[in-house]
């Protein structure tokens, strides 16, 4: 948080990144698997709406839902909500990530098993 106890807006992006990583883990692709691959995901585009601030000691819920996919990209709808039930929307975003080859950082098709597990 900042000096006023408000969560700094850039931290929302970190929370969303972690939610996308956890989505991959829930589909059987943990960080170790990802690091062994010749591909990785990078954020190409993000559109975020900050609706209300989170404050120190808030209980936050972060979601990541795949809403579109292609050979080399995934689109996510993400939300950050406050409360045990996630009933107060604080931030929402649409994020496009692109699969790239690590060696060249150029777009490349996702590995088939990953694409199959993540297709919407």
PDB file of N, CA and C in Angstrom:
ATOM      1  N   UNK A   1       0.848  -1.194   0.000  1.00  0.00           N
ATOM      2  CA  UNK A   1       0.000   0.000   0.000  1.00  0.00           C
ATOM      3  C   UNK A   1       0.882   1.242   0.000  1.00  0.00           C
ATOM      4  N   UNK A   2       0.259   2.358  -0.304  1.00  0.00           N
ATOM      5  CA  UNK A   2       0.984   3.629  -0.206  1.00  0.00           C
ATOM      6  C   UNK A   2       0.887   4.131   1.232  1.00  0.00           C
ATOM      7  N   UNK A   3       1.385   5.327   1.474  1.00  0.00           N
ATOM      8  CA  UNK A   3       1.402   5.881   2.833  1.00  0.00           C
ATOM      9  C   UNK A   3      -0.006   6.042   3.407  1.00  0.00           C
ATOM     10  N   UNK A   4      -1.010   6.169   2.545  1.00  0.00           N
ATOM     11  CA  UNK A   4      -2.393   6.323   2.996  1.00  0.00           C
ATOM     12  C   UNK A   4      -3.114   5.003   3.203  1.00  0.00           C
ATOM     13  N   UNK A   5      -2.409   3.888   2.988  1.00  0.00           N
ATOM     14  CA  UNK A   5      -3.035   2.591   3.186  1.00  0.00           C
ATOM     15  C   UNK A   5      -3.819   2.092   1.979  1.00  0.00           C
ATOM     16  N   UNK A   6      -3.684   2.761   0.833  1.00  0.00           N
ATOM     17  CA  UNK A   6      -4.384   2.378  -0.391  1.00  0.00           C
ATOM     18  C   UNK A   6      -3.454   1.487  -1.226  1.00  0.00           C
ATOM     19  N   UNK A   7      -4.009   0.404  -1.798  1.00  0.00           N
ATOM     20  CA  UNK A   7      -3.207  -0.478  -2.646  1.00  0.00           C
ATOM     21  C   UNK A   7      -2.832   0.273  -3.921  1.00  0.00           C
ATOM     22  N   UNK A   8      -1.537   0.336  -4.196  1.00  0.00           N
ATOM     23  CA  UNK A   8      -1.008   1.013  -5.376  1.00  0.00           C
ATOM     24  C   UNK A   8      -1.526   0.310  -6.626  1.00  0.00           C
ATOM     25  N   UNK A   9      -1.987   1.047  -7.618  1.00  0.00           N
ATOM     26  CA  UNK A   9      -2.684   0.477  -8.770  1.00  0.00           C
ATOM     27  C   UNK A   9      -1.865  -0.564  -9.535  1.00  0.00           C
ATOM     28  N   UNK A  10      -0.553  -0.420  -9.590  1.00  0.00           N
ATOM     29  CA  UNK A  10       0.274  -1.382 -10.324  1.00  0.00           C
ATOM     30  C   UNK A  10       0.193  -2.767  -9.678  1.00  0.00           C
ATOM     31  N   UNK A  11      -0.047  -2.820  -8.384  1.00  0.00           N
ATOM     32  CA  UNK A  11      -0.145  -4.112  -7.709  1.00  0.00           C
ATOM     33  C   UNK A  11      -1.327  -4.937  -8.219  1.00  0.00           C
ATOM     34  N   UNK A  12      -2.381  -4.290  -8.719  1.00  0.00           N
ATOM     35  CA  UNK A  12      -3.501  -5.022  -9.292  1.00  0.00           C
ATOM     36  C   UNK A  12      -3.009  -5.877 -10.472  1.00  0.00           C
ATOM     37  N   UNK A  13      -2.075  -5.335 -11.254  1.00  0.00           N
ATOM     38  CA  UNK A  13      -1.530  -6.079 -12.386  1.00  0.00           C
ATOM     39  C   UNK A  13      -0.778  -7.313 -11.912  1.00  0.00           C
ATOM     40  N   UNK A  14      -0.051  -7.174 -10.810  1.00  0.00           N
ATOM     41  CA  UNK A  14       0.660  -8.321 -10.223  1.00  0.00           C
ATOM     42  C   UNK A  14      -0.323  -9.383  -9.740  1.00  0.00           C
ATOM     43  N   UNK A  15      -1.405  -8.935  -9.115  1.00  0.00           N
ATOM     44  CA  UNK A  15      -2.417  -9.879  -8.636  1.00  0.00           C
ATOM     45  C   UNK A  15      -3.031 -10.644  -9.809  1.00  0.00           C
ATOM     46  N   UNK A  16      -3.286  -9.937 -10.908  1.00  0.00           N
ATOM     47  CA  UNK A  16      -3.878 -10.579 -12.087  1.00  0.00           C
ATOM     48  C   UNK A  16      -2.905 -11.566 -12.726  1.00  0.00           C
ATOM     49  N   UNK A  17      -1.636 -11.201 -12.766  1.00  0.00           N
ATOM     50  CA  UNK A  17      -0.617 -12.110 -13.296  1.00  0.00           C
ATOM     51  C   UNK A  17      -0.609 -13.409 -12.496  1.00  0.00           C
ATOM     52  N   UNK A  18      -0.665 -13.290 -11.194  1.00  0.00           N
ATOM     53  CA  UNK A  18      -0.658 -14.477 -10.334  1.00  0.00           C
ATOM     54  C   UNK A  18      -1.902 -15.332 -10.573  1.00  0.00           C
ATOM     55  N   UNK A  19      -3.043 -14.699 -10.789  1.00  0.00           N
ATOM     56  CA  UNK A  19      -4.274 -15.455 -11.054  1.00  0.00           C
ATOM     57  C   UNK A  19      -4.163 -16.237 -12.360  1.00  0.00           C
ATOM     58  N   UNK A  20      -3.548 -15.646 -13.378  1.00  0.00           N
ATOM     59  CA  UNK A  20      -3.359 -16.368 -14.645  1.00  0.00           C
ATOM     60  C   UNK A  20      -2.408 -17.547 -14.453  1.00  0.00           C
ATOM     61  N   UNK A  21      -1.363 -17.353 -13.666  1.00  0.00           N
ATOM     62  CA  UNK A  21      -0.428 -18.435 -13.364  1.00  0.00           C
ATOM     63  C   UNK A  21      -1.138 -19.569 -12.623  1.00  0.00           C
ATOM     64  N   UNK A  22      -1.992 -19.213 -11.676  1.00  0.00           N
ATOM     65  CA  UNK A  22      -2.728 -20.223 -10.914  1.00  0.00           C
ATOM     66  C   UNK A  22      -3.741 -20.950 -11.789  1.00  0.00           C
ATOM     67  N   UNK A  23      -4.303 -20.268 -12.781  1.00  0.00           N
ATOM     68  CA  UNK A  23      -5.201 -20.932 -13.726  1.00  0.00           C
ATOM     69  C   UNK A  23      -4.434 -22.006 -14.494  1.00  0.00           C
ATOM     70  N   UNK A  24      -3.228 -21.666 -14.971  1.00  0.00           N
ATOM     71  CA  UNK A  24      -2.394 -22.656 -15.662  1.00  0.00           C
ATOM     72  C   UNK A  24      -2.102 -23.844 -14.747  1.00  0.00           C
ATOM     73  N   UNK A  25      -1.760 -23.563 -13.491  1.00  0.00           N
ATOM     74  CA  UNK A  25      -1.462 -24.625 -12.526  1.00  0.00           C
ATOM     75  C   UNK A  25      -2.687 -25.530 -12.344  1.00  0.00           C
ATOM     76  N   UNK A  26      -3.863 -24.945 -12.270  1.00  0.00           N
ATOM     77  CA  UNK A  26      -5.085 -25.733 -12.071  1.00  0.00           C
ATOM     78  C   UNK A  26      -5.397 -26.628 -13.263  1.00  0.00           C
ATOM     79  N   UNK A  27      -4.831 -26.304 -14.417  1.00  0.00           N
ATOM     80  CA  UNK A  27      -5.034 -27.119 -15.624  1.00  0.00           C
ATOM     81  C   UNK A  27      -3.863 -28.070 -15.868  1.00  0.00           C
ATOM     82  N   UNK A  28      -2.949 -28.171 -14.881  1.00  0.00           N
ATOM     83  CA  UNK A  28      -1.870 -29.142 -14.962  1.00  0.00           C
ATOM     84  C   UNK A  28      -0.539 -28.619 -15.456  1.00  0.00           C
ATOM     85  N   UNK A  29      -0.384 -27.299 -15.550  1.00  0.00           N
ATOM     86  CA  UNK A  29       0.854 -26.712 -16.072  1.00  0.00           C
ATOM     87  C   UNK A  29       1.463 -25.791 -15.021  1.00  0.00           C
ATOM     88  N   UNK A  30       2.267 -26.392 -14.138  1.00  0.00           N
ATOM     89  CA  UNK A  30       2.869 -25.603 -13.065  1.00  0.00           C
ATOM     90  C   UNK A  30       4.054 -24.794 -13.582  1.00  0.00           C
ATOM     91  N   UNK A  31       4.609 -23.973 -12.715  1.00  0.00           N
ATOM     92  CA  UNK A  31       5.708 -23.078 -13.089  1.00  0.00           C
ATOM     93  C   UNK A  31       6.920 -23.857 -13.591  1.00  0.00           C
ATOM     94  N   UNK A  32       7.231 -24.996 -12.967  1.00  0.00           N
ATOM     95  CA  UNK A  32       8.375 -25.797 -13.399  1.00  0.00           C
ATOM     96  C   UNK A  32       8.186 -26.263 -14.836  1.00  0.00           C
ATOM     97  N   UNK A  33       6.971 -26.701 -15.195  1.00  0.00           N
ATOM     98  CA  UNK A  33       6.704 -27.139 -16.567  1.00  0.00           C
ATOM     99  C   UNK A  33       6.900 -25.978 -17.533  1.00  0.00           C
ATOM    100  N   UNK A  34       6.368 -24.835 -17.164  1.00  0.00           N
ATOM    101  CA  UNK A  34       6.454 -23.657 -18.038  1.00  0.00           C
ATOM    102  C   UNK A  34       7.915 -23.259 -18.254  1.00  0.00           C
ATOM    103  N   UNK A  35       8.701 -23.262 -17.190  1.00  0.00           N
ATOM    104  CA  UNK A  35      10.100 -22.849 -17.304  1.00  0.00           C
ATOM    105  C   UNK A  35      10.928 -23.799 -18.172  1.00  0.00           C
ATOM    106  N   UNK A  36      10.514 -25.057 -18.269  1.00  0.00           N
ATOM    107  CA  UNK A  36      11.229 -26.028 -19.086  1.00  0.00           C
ATOM    108  C   UNK A  36      10.942 -25.880 -20.580  1.00  0.00           C
ATOM    109  N   UNK A  37       9.897 -25.164 -20.935  1.00  0.00           N
ATOM    110  CA  UNK A  37       9.470 -25.062 -22.327  1.00  0.00           C
ATOM    111  C   UNK A  37      10.274 -24.012 -23.088  1.00  0.00           C
ATOM    112  N   UNK A  38      10.228 -24.104 -24.400  1.00  0.00           N
ATOM    113  CA  UNK A  38      10.895 -23.097 -25.234  1.00  0.00           C
ATOM    114  C   UNK A  38       9.979 -21.910 -25.514  1.00  0.00           C
ATOM    115  N   UNK A  39       8.753 -21.986 -24.981  1.00  0.00           N
ATOM    116  CA  UNK A  39       7.778 -20.913 -25.176  1.00  0.00           C
ATOM    117  C   UNK A  39       7.454 -20.258 -23.838  1.00  0.00           C
ATOM    118  N   UNK A  40       6.889 -19.072 -23.913  1.00  0.00           N
ATOM    119  CA  UNK A  40       6.368 -18.388 -22.727  1.00  0.00           C
ATOM    120  C   UNK A  40       5.262 -17.432 -23.162  1.00  0.00           C
ATOM    121  N   UNK A  41       4.488 -16.965 -22.208  1.00  0.00           N
ATOM    122  CA  UNK A  41       3.435 -15.992 -22.492  1.00  0.00           C
ATOM    123  C   UNK A  41       3.906 -14.592 -22.112  1.00  0.00           C
ATOM    124  N   UNK A  42       3.550 -13.617 -22.934  1.00  0.00           N
ATOM    125  CA  UNK A  42       3.794 -12.209 -22.623  1.00  0.00           C
ATOM    126  C   UNK A  42       2.475 -11.450 -22.808  1.00  0.00           C
ATOM    127  N   UNK A  43       2.293 -10.421 -22.009  1.00  0.00           N
ATOM    128  CA  UNK A  43       1.098  -9.588 -22.147  1.00  0.00           C
ATOM    129  C   UNK A  43       1.268  -8.691 -23.358  1.00  0.00           C
ATOM    130  N   UNK A  44       0.292  -8.741 -24.241  1.00  0.00           N
ATOM    131  CA  UNK A  44       0.305  -7.882 -25.429  1.00  0.00           C
ATOM    132  C   UNK A  44      -0.540  -6.641 -25.207  1.00  0.00           C
ATOM    133  N   UNK A  45      -1.677  -6.843 -24.545  1.00  0.00           N
ATOM    134  CA  UNK A  45      -2.614  -5.728 -24.388  1.00  0.00           C
ATOM    135  C   UNK A  45      -3.408  -5.925 -23.101  1.00  0.00           C
ATOM    136  N   UNK A  46      -3.714  -4.806 -22.461  1.00  0.00           N
ATOM    137  CA  UNK A  46      -4.546  -4.839 -21.264  1.00  0.00           C
ATOM    138  C   UNK A  46      -5.400  -3.584 -21.213  1.00  0.00           C
ATOM    139  N   UNK A  47      -6.655  -3.770 -20.865  1.00  0.00           N
ATOM    140  CA  UNK A  47      -7.565  -2.653 -20.655  1.00  0.00           C
ATOM    141  C   UNK A  47      -8.169  -2.835 -19.270  1.00  0.00           C
ATOM    142  N   UNK A  48      -7.837  -1.947 -18.356  1.00  0.00           N
ATOM    143  CA  UNK A  48      -8.277  -2.093 -16.969  1.00  0.00           C
ATOM    144  C   UNK A  48      -9.138  -0.915 -16.543  1.00  0.00           C
ATOM    145  N   UNK A  49     -10.169  -1.217 -15.761  1.00  0.00           N
ATOM    146  CA  UNK A  49     -11.019  -0.204 -15.131  1.00  0.00           C
ATOM    147  C   UNK A  49     -10.843  -0.333 -13.623  1.00  0.00           C
ATOM    148  N   UNK A  50     -10.335   0.727 -13.016  1.00  0.00           N
ATOM    149  CA  UNK A  50     -10.174   0.774 -11.566  1.00  0.00           C
ATOM    150  C   UNK A  50     -11.413   1.450 -11.006  1.00  0.00           C
ATOM    151  N   UNK A  51     -12.231   0.695 -10.279  1.00  0.00           N
ATOM    152  CA  UNK A  51     -13.528   1.191  -9.837  1.00  0.00           C
ATOM    153  C   UNK A  51     -13.519   1.713  -8.404  1.00  0.00           C
ATOM    154  N   UNK A  52     -12.846   0.986  -7.517  1.00  0.00           N
ATOM    155  CA  UNK A  52     -12.750   1.361  -6.107  1.00  0.00           C
ATOM    156  C   UNK A  52     -11.389   0.926  -5.603  1.00  0.00           C
ATOM    157  N   UNK A  53     -10.852   1.626  -4.612  1.00  0.00           N
ATOM    158  CA  UNK A  53      -9.539   1.230  -4.099  1.00  0.00           C
ATOM    159  C   UNK A  53      -9.626   0.081  -3.099  1.00  0.00           C
ATOM    160  N   UNK A  54      -8.618  -0.773  -3.146  1.00  0.00           N
ATOM    161  CA  UNK A  54      -8.415  -1.747  -2.077  1.00  0.00           C
ATOM    162  C   UNK A  54      -7.563  -1.048  -1.018  1.00  0.00           C
ATOM    163  N   UNK A  55      -7.745  -1.446   0.229  1.00  0.00           N
ATOM    164  CA  UNK A  55      -6.992  -0.832   1.319  1.00  0.00           C
ATOM    165  C   UNK A  55      -6.283  -1.920   2.127  1.00  0.00           C
ATOM    166  N   UNK A  56      -5.369  -1.467   2.957  1.00  0.00           N
ATOM    167  CA  UNK A  56      -4.585  -2.357   3.804  1.00  0.00           C
ATOM    168  C   UNK A  56      -5.489  -3.346   4.534  1.00  0.00           C
ATOM    169  N   UNK A  57      -5.139  -4.621   4.458  1.00  0.00           N
ATOM    170  CA  UNK A  57      -5.798  -5.723   5.151  1.00  0.00           C
ATOM    171  C   UNK A  57      -7.132  -6.145   4.526  1.00  0.00           C
ATOM    172  N   UNK A  58      -7.453  -5.678   3.321  1.00  0.00           N
ATOM    173  CA  UNK A  58      -8.635  -6.175   2.613  1.00  0.00           C
ATOM    174  C   UNK A  58      -8.446  -7.640   2.241  1.00  0.00           C
ATOM    175  N   UNK A  59      -9.532  -8.386   2.252  1.00  0.00           N
ATOM    176  CA  UNK A  59      -9.555  -9.750   1.748  1.00  0.00           C
ATOM    177  C   UNK A  59      -9.965  -9.652   0.278  1.00  0.00           C
ATOM    178  N   UNK A  60      -9.038  -9.974  -0.635  1.00  0.00           N
ATOM    179  CA  UNK A  60      -9.294  -9.817  -2.066  1.00  0.00           C
ATOM    180  C   UNK A  60      -9.453 -11.163  -2.748  1.00  0.00           C
ATOM    181  N   UNK A  61     -10.302 -11.205  -3.747  1.00  0.00           N
ATOM    182  CA  UNK A  61     -10.492 -12.372  -4.608  1.00  0.00           C
ATOM    183  C   UNK A  61     -10.164 -11.928  -6.029  1.00  0.00           C
ATOM    184  N   UNK A  62      -9.307 -12.696  -6.700  1.00  0.00           N
ATOM    185  CA  UNK A  62      -8.890 -12.354  -8.065  1.00  0.00           C
ATOM    186  C   UNK A  62      -9.266 -13.514  -8.976  1.00  0.00           C
ATOM    187  N   UNK A  63      -9.949 -13.201 -10.073  1.00  0.00           N
ATOM    188  CA  UNK A  63     -10.355 -14.245 -11.008  1.00  0.00           C
ATOM    189  C   UNK A  63      -9.682 -14.049 -12.359  1.00  0.00           C
ATOM    190  N   UNK A  64      -9.569 -15.152 -13.094  1.00  0.00           N
ATOM    191  CA  UNK A  64      -9.019 -15.137 -14.453  1.00  0.00           C
ATOM    192  C   UNK A  64      -9.812 -16.150 -15.264  1.00  0.00           C
ATOM    193  N   UNK A  65     -10.594 -15.664 -16.207  1.00  0.00           N
ATOM    194  CA  UNK A  65     -11.399 -16.529 -17.060  1.00  0.00           C
ATOM    195  C   UNK A  65     -10.968 -16.357 -18.506  1.00  0.00           C
ATOM    196  N   UNK A  66     -10.723 -17.462 -19.188  1.00  0.00           N
ATOM    197  CA  UNK A  66     -10.368 -17.408 -20.602  1.00  0.00           C
ATOM    198  C   UNK A  66     -11.638 -17.152 -21.400  1.00  0.00           C
ATOM    199  N   UNK A  67     -11.622 -16.085 -22.203  1.00  0.00           N
ATOM    200  CA  UNK A  67     -12.813 -15.731 -22.977  1.00  0.00           C
ATOM    201  C   UNK A  67     -12.582 -15.833 -24.485  1.00  0.00           C
ATOM    202  N   UNK A  68     -11.370 -16.150 -24.889  1.00  0.00           N
ATOM    203  CA  UNK A  68     -11.065 -16.322 -26.301  1.00  0.00           C
ATOM    204  C   UNK A  68      -9.674 -16.898 -26.456  1.00  0.00           C
ATOM    205  N   UNK A  69      -9.459 -17.600 -27.572  1.00  0.00           N
ATOM    206  CA  UNK A  69      -8.134 -18.164 -27.798  1.00  0.00           C
ATOM    207  C   UNK A  69      -7.899 -18.367 -29.287  1.00  0.00           C
ATOM    208  N   UNK A  70      -6.632 -18.383 -29.627  1.00  0.00           N
ATOM    209  CA  UNK A  70      -6.198 -18.658 -30.986  1.00  0.00           C
ATOM    210  C   UNK A  70      -4.965 -19.543 -30.927  1.00  0.00           C
ATOM    211  N   UNK A  71      -4.324 -19.725 -32.044  1.00  0.00           N
ATOM    212  CA  UNK A  71      -3.138 -20.577 -32.098  1.00  0.00           C
ATOM    213  C   UNK A  71      -2.034 -20.098 -31.158  1.00  0.00           C
ATOM    214  N   UNK A  72      -1.901 -18.777 -31.044  1.00  0.00           N
ATOM    215  CA  UNK A  72      -0.775 -18.216 -30.282  1.00  0.00           C
ATOM    216  C   UNK A  72      -1.200 -17.183 -29.240  1.00  0.00           C
ATOM    217  N   UNK A  73      -2.487 -17.096 -28.933  1.00  0.00           N
ATOM    218  CA  UNK A  73      -2.916 -16.077 -27.976  1.00  0.00           C
ATOM    219  C   UNK A  73      -4.080 -16.567 -27.124  1.00  0.00           C
ATOM    220  N   UNK A  74      -4.236 -15.905 -25.977  1.00  0.00           N
ATOM    221  CA  UNK A  74      -5.368 -16.126 -25.072  1.00  0.00           C
ATOM    222  C   UNK A  74      -5.902 -14.775 -24.621  1.00  0.00           C
ATOM    223  N   UNK A  75      -7.221 -14.653 -24.550  1.00  0.00           N
ATOM    224  CA  UNK A  75      -7.853 -13.467 -23.976  1.00  0.00           C
ATOM    225  C   UNK A  75      -8.477 -13.844 -22.644  1.00  0.00           C
ATOM    226  N   UNK A  76      -8.242 -13.009 -21.638  1.00  0.00           N
ATOM    227  CA  UNK A  76      -8.769 -13.228 -20.299  1.00  0.00           C
ATOM    228  C   UNK A  76      -9.681 -12.088 -19.888  1.00  0.00           C
ATOM    229  N   UNK A  77     -10.724 -12.414 -19.150  1.00  0.00           N
ATOM    230  CA  UNK A  77     -11.506 -11.437 -18.397  1.00  0.00           C
ATOM    231  C   UNK A  77     -11.089 -11.645 -16.948  1.00  0.00           C
ATOM    232  N   UNK A  78     -10.667 -10.556 -16.299  1.00  0.00           N
ATOM    233  CA  UNK A  78     -10.206 -10.677 -14.923  1.00  0.00           C
ATOM    234  C   UNK A  78     -10.913  -9.666 -14.038  1.00  0.00           C
ATOM    235  N   UNK A  79     -11.110 -10.066 -12.793  1.00  0.00           N
ATOM    236  CA  UNK A  79     -11.735  -9.190 -11.801  1.00  0.00           C
ATOM    237  C   UNK A  79     -11.001  -9.301 -10.477  1.00  0.00           C
ATOM    238  N   UNK A  80     -10.972  -8.191  -9.765  1.00  0.00           N
ATOM    239  CA  UNK A  80     -10.498  -8.169  -8.380  1.00  0.00           C
ATOM    240  C   UNK A  80     -11.659  -7.652  -7.551  1.00  0.00           C
ATOM    241  N   UNK A  81     -12.041  -8.462  -6.566  1.00  0.00           N
ATOM    242  CA  UNK A  81     -13.181  -8.122  -5.715  1.00  0.00           C
ATOM    243  C   UNK A  81     -12.758  -8.155  -4.253  1.00  0.00           C
ATOM    244  N   UNK A  82     -13.498  -7.405  -3.434  1.00  0.00           N
ATOM    245  CA  UNK A  82     -13.254  -7.376  -1.992  1.00  0.00           C
ATOM    246  C   UNK A  82     -14.332  -8.208  -1.312  1.00  0.00           C
ATOM    247  N   UNK A  83     -13.940  -8.895  -0.235  1.00  0.00           N
ATOM    248  CA  UNK A  83     -14.898  -9.624   0.589  1.00  0.00           C
ATOM    249  C   UNK A  83     -14.776 -11.119   0.425  1.00  0.00           C
ATOM    250  N   UNK A  84     -15.221 -11.838   1.453  1.00  0.00           N
ATOM    251  CA  UNK A  84     -15.149 -13.298   1.451  1.00  0.00           C
ATOM    252  C   UNK A  84     -15.868 -13.891   0.248  1.00  0.00           C
ATOM    253  N   UNK A  85     -17.003 -13.305  -0.111  1.00  0.00           N
ATOM    254  CA  UNK A  85     -17.760 -13.800  -1.258  1.00  0.00           C
ATOM    255  C   UNK A  85     -17.378 -13.106  -2.550  1.00  0.00           C
ATOM    256  N   UNK A  86     -16.408 -12.198  -2.487  1.00  0.00           N
ATOM    257  CA  UNK A  86     -16.010 -11.466  -3.678  1.00  0.00           C
ATOM    258  C   UNK A  86     -17.134 -10.619  -4.225  1.00  0.00           C
ATOM    259  N   UNK A  87     -17.873  -9.968  -3.325  1.00  0.00           N
ATOM    260  CA  UNK A  87     -19.100  -9.285  -3.722  1.00  0.00           C
ATOM    261  C   UNK A  87     -18.936  -7.809  -4.074  1.00  0.00           C
ATOM    262  N   UNK A  88     -17.761  -7.239  -3.859  1.00  0.00           N
ATOM    263  CA  UNK A  88     -17.573  -5.821  -4.185  1.00  0.00           C
ATOM    264  C   UNK A  88     -16.472  -5.683  -5.242  1.00  0.00           C
ATOM    265  N   UNK A  89     -16.882  -5.354  -6.458  1.00  0.00           N
ATOM    266  CA  UNK A  89     -15.947  -5.268  -7.575  1.00  0.00           C
ATOM    267  C   UNK A  89     -15.072  -4.021  -7.450  1.00  0.00           C
ATOM    268  N   UNK A  90     -13.749  -4.236  -7.448  1.00  0.00           N
ATOM    269  CA  UNK A  90     -12.794  -3.141  -7.330  1.00  0.00           C
ATOM    270  C   UNK A  90     -12.128  -2.812  -8.658  1.00  0.00           C
ATOM    271  N   UNK A  91     -11.840  -3.840  -9.450  1.00  0.00           N
ATOM    272  CA  UNK A  91     -11.130  -3.640 -10.712  1.00  0.00           C
ATOM    273  C   UNK A  91     -11.520  -4.750 -11.672  1.00  0.00           C
ATOM    274  N   UNK A  92     -11.652  -4.400 -12.942  1.00  0.00           N
ATOM    275  CA  UNK A  92     -11.884  -5.412 -13.971  1.00  0.00           C
ATOM    276  C   UNK A  92     -10.978  -5.107 -15.146  1.00  0.00           C
ATOM    277  N   UNK A  93     -10.581  -6.159 -15.858  1.00  0.00           N
ATOM    278  CA  UNK A  93      -9.663  -5.966 -16.978  1.00  0.00           C
ATOM    279  C   UNK A  93      -9.872  -7.046 -18.029  1.00  0.00           C
ATOM    280  N   UNK A  94      -9.521  -6.687 -19.244  1.00  0.00           N
ATOM    281  CA  UNK A  94      -9.401  -7.655 -20.324  1.00  0.00           C
ATOM    282  C   UNK A  94      -7.930  -7.673 -20.716  1.00  0.00           C
ATOM    283  N   UNK A  95      -7.378  -8.882 -20.815  1.00  0.00           N
ATOM    284  CA  UNK A  95      -5.947  -9.054 -21.040  1.00  0.00           C
ATOM    285  C   UNK A  95      -5.736 -10.022 -22.196  1.00  0.00           C
ATOM    286  N   UNK A  96      -4.873  -9.650 -23.122  1.00  0.00           N
ATOM    287  CA  UNK A  96      -4.446 -10.586 -24.169  1.00  0.00           C
ATOM    288  C   UNK A  96      -2.995 -10.953 -23.908  1.00  0.00           C
ATOM    289  N   UNK A  97      -2.740 -12.260 -23.822  1.00  0.00           N
ATOM    290  CA  UNK A  97      -1.379 -12.754 -23.725  1.00  0.00           C
ATOM    291  C   UNK A  97      -1.058 -13.509 -25.008  1.00  0.00           C
ATOM    292  N   UNK A  98       0.198 -13.417 -25.418  1.00  0.00           N
ATOM    293  CA  UNK A  98       0.657 -14.060 -26.645  1.00  0.00           C
ATOM    294  C   UNK A  98       1.764 -15.038 -26.301  1.00  0.00           C
ATOM    295  N   UNK A  99       1.718 -16.191 -26.925  1.00  0.00           N
ATOM    296  CA  UNK A  99       2.770 -17.188 -26.772  1.00  0.00           C
ATOM    297  C   UNK A  99       3.918 -16.796 -27.699  1.00  0.00           C
ATOM    298  N   UNK A 100       5.130 -16.741 -27.140  1.00  0.00           N
ATOM    299  CA  UNK A 100       6.322 -16.402 -27.927  1.00  0.00           C
ATOM    300  C   UNK A 100       7.401 -17.448 -27.674  1.00  0.00           C
ATOM    301  N   UNK A 101       8.305 -17.579 -28.639  1.00  0.00           N
ATOM    302  CA  UNK A 101       9.496 -18.409 -28.432  1.00  0.00           C
ATOM    303  C   UNK A 101      10.453 -17.619 -27.556  1.00  0.00           C
ATOM    304  N   UNK A 102      10.985 -18.245 -26.532  1.00  0.00           N
ATOM    305  CA  UNK A 102      11.896 -17.551 -25.618  1.00  0.00           C
ATOM    306  C   UNK A 102      13.127 -17.032 -26.350  1.00  0.00           C
ATOM    307  N   UNK A 103      13.661 -17.810 -27.286  1.00  0.00           N
ATOM    308  CA  UNK A 103      14.915 -17.450 -27.959  1.00  0.00           C
ATOM    309  C   UNK A 103      14.772 -16.214 -28.842  1.00  0.00           C
ATOM    310  N   UNK A 104      13.585 -16.037 -29.441  1.00  0.00           N
ATOM    311  CA  UNK A 104      13.412 -14.939 -30.407  1.00  0.00           C
ATOM    312  C   UNK A 104      12.437 -13.867 -29.943  1.00  0.00           C
ATOM    313  N   UNK A 105      11.609 -14.205 -28.954  1.00  0.00           N
ATOM    314  CA  UNK A 105      10.534 -13.329 -28.472  1.00  0.00           C
ATOM    315  C   UNK A 105       9.534 -12.996 -29.588  1.00  0.00           C
ATOM    316  N   UNK A 106       9.416 -13.901 -30.553  1.00  0.00           N
ATOM    317  CA  UNK A 106       8.452 -13.736 -31.647  1.00  0.00           C
ATOM    318  C   UNK A 106       7.277 -14.679 -31.408  1.00  0.00           C
ATOM    319  N   UNK A 107       6.069 -14.258 -31.829  1.00  0.00           N
ATOM    320  CA  UNK A 107       4.889 -15.112 -31.640  1.00  0.00           C
ATOM    321  C   UNK A 107       5.091 -16.507 -32.226  1.00  0.00           C
ATOM    322  N   UNK A 108       4.549 -17.487 -31.520  1.00  0.00           N
ATOM    323  CA  UNK A 108       4.635 -18.883 -31.945  1.00  0.00           C
ATOM    324  C   UNK A 108       3.407 -19.621 -31.428  1.00  0.00           C
ATOM    325  N   UNK A 109       3.029 -20.673 -32.125  1.00  0.00           N
ATOM    326  CA  UNK A 109       1.892 -21.482 -31.691  1.00  0.00           C
ATOM    327  C   UNK A 109       2.169 -22.086 -30.321  1.00  0.00           C
ATOM    328  N   UNK A 110       1.121 -22.151 -29.509  1.00  0.00           N
ATOM    329  CA  UNK A 110       1.236 -22.793 -28.200  1.00  0.00           C
ATOM    330  C   UNK A 110       1.509 -24.285 -28.387  1.00  0.00           C
ATOM    331  N   UNK A 111       2.220 -24.907 -27.451  1.00  0.00           N
ATOM    332  CA  UNK A 111       2.353 -26.366 -27.500  1.00  0.00           C
ATOM    333  C   UNK A 111       0.951 -26.992 -27.533  1.00  0.00           C
ATOM    334  N   UNK A 112       0.749 -28.044 -28.338  1.00  0.00           N
ATOM    335  CA  UNK A 112      -0.598 -28.612 -28.519  1.00  0.00           C
ATOM    336  C   UNK A 112      -1.301 -28.988 -27.215  1.00  0.00           C
ATOM    337  N   UNK A 113      -0.571 -29.591 -26.270  1.00  0.00           N
ATOM    338  CA  UNK A 113      -1.227 -30.002 -25.025  1.00  0.00           C
ATOM    339  C   UNK A 113      -1.698 -28.800 -24.211  1.00  0.00           C
ATOM    340  N   UNK A 114      -0.965 -27.713 -24.268  1.00  0.00           N
ATOM    341  CA  UNK A 114      -1.361 -26.497 -23.567  1.00  0.00           C
ATOM    342  C   UNK A 114      -2.567 -25.866 -24.248  1.00  0.00           C
ATOM    343  N   UNK A 115      -2.518 -25.785 -25.552  1.00  0.00           N
ATOM    344  CA  UNK A 115      -3.637 -25.189 -26.300  1.00  0.00           C
ATOM    345  C   UNK A 115      -4.919 -25.962 -26.060  1.00  0.00           C
ATOM    346  N   UNK A 116      -4.830 -27.291 -26.066  1.00  0.00           N
ATOM    347  CA  UNK A 116      -6.006 -28.121 -25.833  1.00  0.00           C
ATOM    348  C   UNK A 116      -6.573 -27.895 -24.430  1.00  0.00           C
ATOM    349  N   UNK A 117      -5.703 -27.812 -23.438  1.00  0.00           N
ATOM    350  CA  UNK A 117      -6.146 -27.638 -22.050  1.00  0.00           C
ATOM    351  C   UNK A 117      -6.728 -26.252 -21.801  1.00  0.00           C
ATOM    352  N   UNK A 118      -6.329 -25.256 -22.600  1.00  0.00           N
ATOM    353  CA  UNK A 118      -6.764 -23.881 -22.357  1.00  0.00           C
ATOM    354  C   UNK A 118      -7.790 -23.360 -23.341  1.00  0.00           C
ATOM    355  N   UNK A 119      -8.119 -24.125 -24.373  1.00  0.00           N
ATOM    356  CA  UNK A 119      -9.066 -23.604 -25.356  1.00  0.00           C
ATOM    357  C   UNK A 119     -10.416 -23.396 -24.716  1.00  0.00           C
ATOM    358  N   UNK A 120     -11.056 -22.301 -25.118  1.00  0.00           N
ATOM    359  CA  UNK A 120     -12.348 -21.987 -24.487  1.00  0.00           C
ATOM    360  C   UNK A 120     -13.503 -22.453 -25.360  1.00  0.00           C
TER     361      UNK A 120
END
